[in-house]
Protein backbone atom coordinates (compact mmCIF):
# COMPACT_ATOMS: atom_id res chain seq x y z
CA MET A 1 71.85 115.40 71.61
CA ASP A 2 68.69 116.56 69.86
CA LYS A 3 65.79 114.22 68.42
CA ASN A 4 67.43 114.90 64.84
CA SER A 5 70.86 113.33 65.54
CA ASN A 6 71.80 109.49 65.26
CA PRO A 7 71.84 107.59 68.53
CA LEU A 8 74.36 105.59 67.51
CA LYS A 9 76.98 108.57 67.34
CA GLY A 10 75.91 109.02 70.34
CA LEU A 11 75.95 106.15 71.92
CA GLY A 12 79.44 105.84 70.15
CA GLN A 13 80.74 108.72 71.36
CA PHE A 14 79.43 107.78 74.67
CA LEU A 15 81.51 104.31 74.72
CA ILE A 16 84.82 106.03 73.70
CA PHE A 17 84.83 108.48 76.86
CA PHE A 18 84.29 105.63 79.04
CA SER A 19 86.89 103.94 77.15
CA LYS A 20 89.25 106.68 77.83
CA LEU A 21 87.94 106.83 81.57
CA GLU A 22 88.56 103.09 82.07
CA LYS A 23 92.41 103.42 80.42
CA TYR A 24 92.88 106.64 82.59
CA LEU A 25 91.81 104.89 86.34
CA ASP A 26 93.38 101.83 85.33
CA ASN A 27 96.45 103.84 84.68
CA GLU A 28 96.28 105.52 88.06
CA LYS A 29 95.60 102.08 89.76
CA ILE A 30 98.95 100.95 88.15
CA LYS A 31 100.96 104.09 89.26
CA ARG A 32 99.16 103.54 93.08
CA PHE A 33 100.12 99.92 93.07
CA SER A 34 103.60 100.73 91.77
CA ASP A 35 104.52 103.65 94.36
CA LYS A 36 103.14 101.17 97.06
CA ARG A 37 105.55 98.53 95.65
CA PHE A 38 108.17 101.05 95.48
CA VAL A 39 107.93 101.98 99.13
CA ARG A 40 107.23 98.53 100.58
CA GLN A 41 110.76 97.07 98.46
CA ASN A 42 112.43 100.55 99.99
CA GLU A 43 111.04 99.23 103.97
CA ILE A 44 112.25 95.38 103.15
CA LEU A 45 115.74 97.56 102.07
CA GLN A 46 116.02 99.29 105.10
CA SER A 47 115.48 96.87 107.34
CA ALA A 48 117.49 94.31 105.56
CA PHE A 49 120.75 96.76 105.51
CA SER A 50 119.86 97.51 109.33
CA TYR A 51 119.89 93.32 109.80
CA ILE A 52 123.11 92.96 107.66
CA HIS A 53 125.13 95.91 109.69
CA ASN A 54 124.21 94.69 112.80
CA HIS A 55 125.11 91.46 112.50
CA VAL A 56 127.96 91.98 110.20
CA ASN A 57 130.10 90.12 112.91
CA GLU A 58 128.03 87.18 112.97
CA VAL A 59 127.10 84.18 110.10
CA ILE A 60 124.71 85.84 108.19
CA GLU A 61 122.18 83.54 106.87
CA ILE A 62 119.80 85.02 103.55
CA SER A 63 117.30 83.08 104.79
CA GLU A 64 116.99 85.18 107.79
CA ILE A 65 117.46 88.06 106.19
CA ALA A 66 113.94 87.25 104.65
CA LYS A 67 112.29 86.22 107.46
CA LYS A 68 113.01 89.40 109.76
CA CYS A 69 111.75 91.13 106.39
CA PHE A 70 108.53 88.83 106.15
CA ILE A 71 109.39 87.48 102.31
CA THR A 72 110.44 84.59 100.81
CA GLN A 73 114.62 84.07 100.19
CA SER A 74 114.08 84.08 96.37
CA HIS A 75 111.87 87.29 96.38
CA PHE A 76 114.49 89.16 98.96
CA CYS A 77 117.28 88.19 96.57
CA ARG A 78 115.77 89.40 93.39
CA ILE A 79 114.70 93.06 94.84
CA PHE A 80 118.32 93.10 96.58
CA LYS A 81 119.91 92.92 93.56
CA GLU A 82 117.52 94.82 91.53
CA PHE A 83 118.50 97.73 93.99
CA THR A 84 121.96 97.23 94.63
CA GLY A 85 123.20 95.51 91.64
CA GLU A 86 124.51 92.37 93.59
CA THR A 87 123.85 89.69 95.50
CA PRO A 88 123.21 89.69 99.53
CA ILE A 89 125.99 87.53 99.62
CA ASN A 90 128.31 89.19 97.63
CA TYR A 91 127.23 92.65 99.61
CA ILE A 92 127.77 90.84 103.05
CA ASN A 93 131.42 89.33 101.71
CA LYS A 94 132.72 92.78 101.29
CA LEU A 95 131.25 94.32 104.04
CA LYS A 96 133.17 91.71 106.20
CA ILE A 97 136.00 91.59 103.81
CA ASN A 98 136.55 95.45 105.10
CA LYS A 99 136.26 94.60 108.40
CA ALA A 100 138.86 92.17 108.41
CA ILE A 101 140.86 94.48 106.28
CA THR A 102 140.61 97.07 109.11
CA LEU A 103 141.62 94.51 111.98
CA LEU A 104 144.26 92.70 109.82
CA THR A 105 145.80 96.38 109.34
CA SER A 106 145.36 97.59 112.97
CA THR A 107 146.17 94.62 115.17
CA ASN A 108 148.05 91.50 115.73
CA LEU A 109 145.19 89.02 115.40
CA SER A 110 145.90 85.93 113.57
CA ILE A 111 144.21 85.03 110.02
CA THR A 112 142.33 82.65 111.16
CA GLN A 113 141.07 84.65 114.40
CA ILE A 114 140.07 87.71 112.01
CA ALA A 115 138.01 85.28 109.60
CA SER A 116 136.06 84.24 113.11
CA SER A 117 135.75 87.84 114.31
CA VAL A 118 134.23 88.87 111.17
CA GLY A 119 131.20 86.01 110.60
CA PHE A 120 133.19 83.04 108.83
CA ASP A 121 132.96 79.83 110.21
CA ASP A 122 135.12 78.93 107.04
CA ASN A 123 138.50 79.97 107.07
CA SER A 124 139.25 78.32 103.44
CA TYR A 125 135.91 80.34 102.69
CA PHE A 126 137.09 83.94 104.43
CA CYS A 127 140.68 83.40 102.32
CA ARG A 128 138.88 82.95 99.02
CA CYS A 129 136.35 85.79 99.90
CA PHE A 130 139.29 87.61 100.82
CA LYS A 131 141.23 86.97 97.75
CA LYS A 132 138.29 87.43 95.20
CA HIS A 133 137.59 91.03 96.74
CA THR A 134 141.11 92.37 96.97
CA GLY A 135 143.14 90.35 94.45
CA LEU A 136 145.94 89.31 97.08
CA SER A 137 145.30 86.40 99.74
CA ALA A 138 145.02 87.80 103.24
CA SER A 139 148.55 87.20 103.96
CA ALA A 140 150.25 88.97 100.79
CA TYR A 141 147.66 91.77 101.80
CA LEU A 142 149.25 92.50 105.40
CA ASN A 143 152.95 91.71 103.71
CA LYS A 144 151.82 95.06 101.64
CA HIS A 145 150.88 96.69 104.46
CA LYS A 146 153.76 96.37 106.32
CA GLN A 147 155.91 97.64 103.14
CA GLY A 148 154.10 100.75 103.58
CA LYS A 149 152.21 100.38 100.57
CA THR A 150 148.23 101.21 101.11
CA PHE A 151 144.97 99.76 99.34
CA LEU A 152 141.89 100.82 99.07
CA THR A 153 139.22 98.94 100.73
CA THR A 154 136.52 97.58 98.76
CA LEU A 155 133.29 99.11 99.65
């Protein structure tokens, strides 16, 4: 800037430069925050999936998974659904039903024993979940399987 130029014009250019610089830095901060957020959510989900798969034969409480991930239950449910497209309960029940199908078709255990062995403490809830995920009751599924008709599991 020389002595004949308008000082306000120079000041204006200076302010525009710093405004653009500030926006750039804010965007970089947001990007870093988003990257950290994504990494953290990925860690949460890895921990959750590990817990779920290691305890699938037990009664699993969502609050316990959230506690293991050091977040609230509602935050855990939100993250889980955002990344998987389904609720944690639905995911867990699908896993349990797939294990139940394997037991149903490969052992002589009763439906009640199978329900208990895959972590359902309520037999009627197991039956509702089984029908929801397969379209058939457990006994109808077993009968169809014995007739030689095979089915795909739900996951």
